[in-house]
Every structure is written in structure tokens, then in C-alpha cells.
Protein backbone atom coordinates (compact mmCIF):
# COMPACT_ATOMS: atom_id res chain seq x y z
CA MET A 1 80.59 55.97 -0.42
CA THR A 2 77.58 56.88 -2.53
CA GLN A 3 78.42 58.88 -5.63
CA GLN A 4 76.53 62.10 -6.34
CA SER A 5 75.20 62.76 -9.81
CA PRO A 6 77.62 64.76 -11.98
CA GLY A 7 76.77 68.45 -11.93
CA ARG A 8 74.49 68.05 -8.90
CA ARG A 9 76.59 68.58 -5.86
CA ARG A 10 75.28 69.97 -2.59
CA GLU A 11 78.18 72.38 -2.33
CA ASP A 12 77.40 73.79 -5.80
CA LEU A 13 73.64 74.05 -5.29
CA THR A 14 73.63 75.33 -1.71
CA PRO A 15 77.18 76.42 -0.80
CA GLU A 16 76.25 78.34 2.34
CA ALA A 17 74.33 75.43 3.82
CA GLU A 18 77.11 73.00 2.88
CA GLN A 19 79.72 75.22 4.51
CA ALA A 20 77.59 75.58 7.64
CA TRP A 21 77.07 71.79 7.79
CA ARG A 22 80.80 71.12 7.51
CA ALA A 23 81.61 73.70 10.21
CA PHE A 24 78.93 72.22 12.49
CA SER A 25 80.23 68.69 11.96
CA LYS A 26 83.82 69.76 12.63
CA ALA A 27 82.79 71.54 15.83
CA VAL A 28 80.73 68.59 17.07
CA PHE A 29 83.58 66.10 16.68
CA GLN A 30 86.27 68.24 18.31
CA ALA A 31 87.36 67.11 21.75
CA GLY A 32 85.47 68.82 24.54
CA ALA A 33 83.83 67.32 27.61
CA LEU A 34 83.94 64.09 25.56
CA ASP A 35 87.16 63.09 23.86
CA ALA A 36 87.22 62.59 20.08
CA ARG A 37 87.38 58.78 20.39
CA THR A 38 84.23 58.66 22.51
CA LYS A 39 82.43 60.93 20.04
CA GLN A 40 83.42 58.68 17.14
CA LEU A 41 82.25 55.59 19.05
CA ILE A 42 78.90 57.30 19.70
CA ALA A 43 78.71 58.10 15.98
CA VAL A 44 79.36 54.44 15.09
CA ALA A 45 76.59 53.33 17.45
CA VAL A 46 74.13 55.93 16.18
CA ALA A 47 74.99 55.07 12.57
CA HIS A 48 73.89 51.51 13.27
CA VAL A 49 70.61 52.62 14.81
CA THR A 50 69.86 55.09 12.02
CA GLN A 51 71.17 52.58 9.45
CA CYS A 52 73.23 55.19 7.64
CA PRO A 53 75.79 53.41 5.42
CA ASP A 54 77.77 56.57 4.65
CA CYS A 55 78.01 57.30 8.39
CA LEU A 56 79.30 53.77 9.00
CA GLN A 57 81.91 54.15 6.26
CA ASN A 58 83.12 57.46 7.71
CA HIS A 59 82.87 57.04 11.48
CA THR A 60 84.11 53.46 11.84
CA PRO A 61 87.55 54.38 10.46
CA GLY A 62 87.22 57.70 12.31
CA ALA A 63 86.94 55.81 15.58
CA ALA A 64 89.98 53.72 14.66
CA ARG A 65 91.94 56.90 13.81
CA GLU A 66 91.12 58.12 17.31
CA SER A 67 92.65 54.91 18.74
CA ALA A 68 89.43 52.98 19.29
CA THR A 69 90.10 49.27 19.21
CA GLU A 70 88.06 46.81 17.19
CA GLN A 71 86.67 45.50 20.47
CA GLN A 72 85.56 49.02 21.52
CA ILE A 73 83.91 49.56 18.14
CA MET A 74 82.09 46.24 18.39
CA GLU A 75 80.96 47.00 21.95
CA ALA A 76 79.55 50.33 20.77
CA ILE A 77 77.64 48.46 18.06
CA TRP A 78 76.24 46.02 20.65
CA VAL A 79 75.11 48.94 22.82
CA ALA A 80 73.29 50.35 19.79
CA ALA A 81 71.70 46.96 19.09
CA GLU A 82 70.52 46.67 22.70
CA MET A 83 69.05 50.17 22.65
CA ARG A 84 67.25 49.51 19.36
CA ALA A 85 65.84 46.20 20.64
CA GLY A 86 65.06 47.81 23.98
CA GLY A 87 62.62 50.13 22.27
CA ALA A 88 60.64 47.17 20.98
CA VAL A 89 60.64 45.53 24.40
CA ALA A 90 59.60 48.76 26.12
CA HIS A 91 56.74 49.25 23.67
CA SER A 92 55.43 45.73 24.24
CA ARG A 93 53.40 47.10 27.13
CA ARG A 94 51.48 49.19 24.60
CA ALA A 95 50.39 45.97 22.87
CA LEU A 96 49.16 44.65 26.21
CA GLU A 97 47.36 47.94 26.90
CA ALA A 98 45.73 47.71 23.45
CA LEU A 99 44.43 44.28 24.39
CA ASP A 100 42.99 45.75 27.58
CA ASP A 101 41.22 48.47 25.56
CA ARG A 102 39.42 46.08 23.18
């Protein structure tokens, strides 16, 4: 995990916002209509799309703690990869439209 500079911690500089963030995060990942494992798998997939290394380091083991298998984690990553690539494919029509507009 990335180290923060000594003496410059979010919780020291903005304690109310930090506390609110932690409460929000805890509430989001509690089981509800989606179970905690599914939420962690979604987080792993989104972490790959957003390319957040800290999220990967936290949510991959989080998914495993919620009994996600390595295969389930990898499938979630492939779904993320397909969705990311799908955006490029879907936008290819814009390139063709731009050619029509020239």
C-alpha cells in the first residue's frame, strides 16, 4: 500500500471527512440486496477498470475473505476487461461517423 508522508495524514488534516468516508465505505460493503462477496467481486472488477492499485490490494483479499474463489476473482477481472474493451469497440462507430462528416 502507498505510504502517506509523515505528519500529513488525511485523518489528521480532515478528520470529519475521513470519518464520513470510512462510515460510507463500511455501509456500502455490508451485505444487503447483494451479499458481501458479490460486492467485493464488483470492487475487484471496478479496481481493474479504474486502475487503482490500492483498491486492488484491499479488495482482492477482501473478496477472498468473503469466500470468493480465485476462479471467481479472475472471472470478475475478465468481465472488467471486456467492459473496458467494449467501450472502445462501441465508440468505433464515432470514428466512422467522423469519416462521414469530413
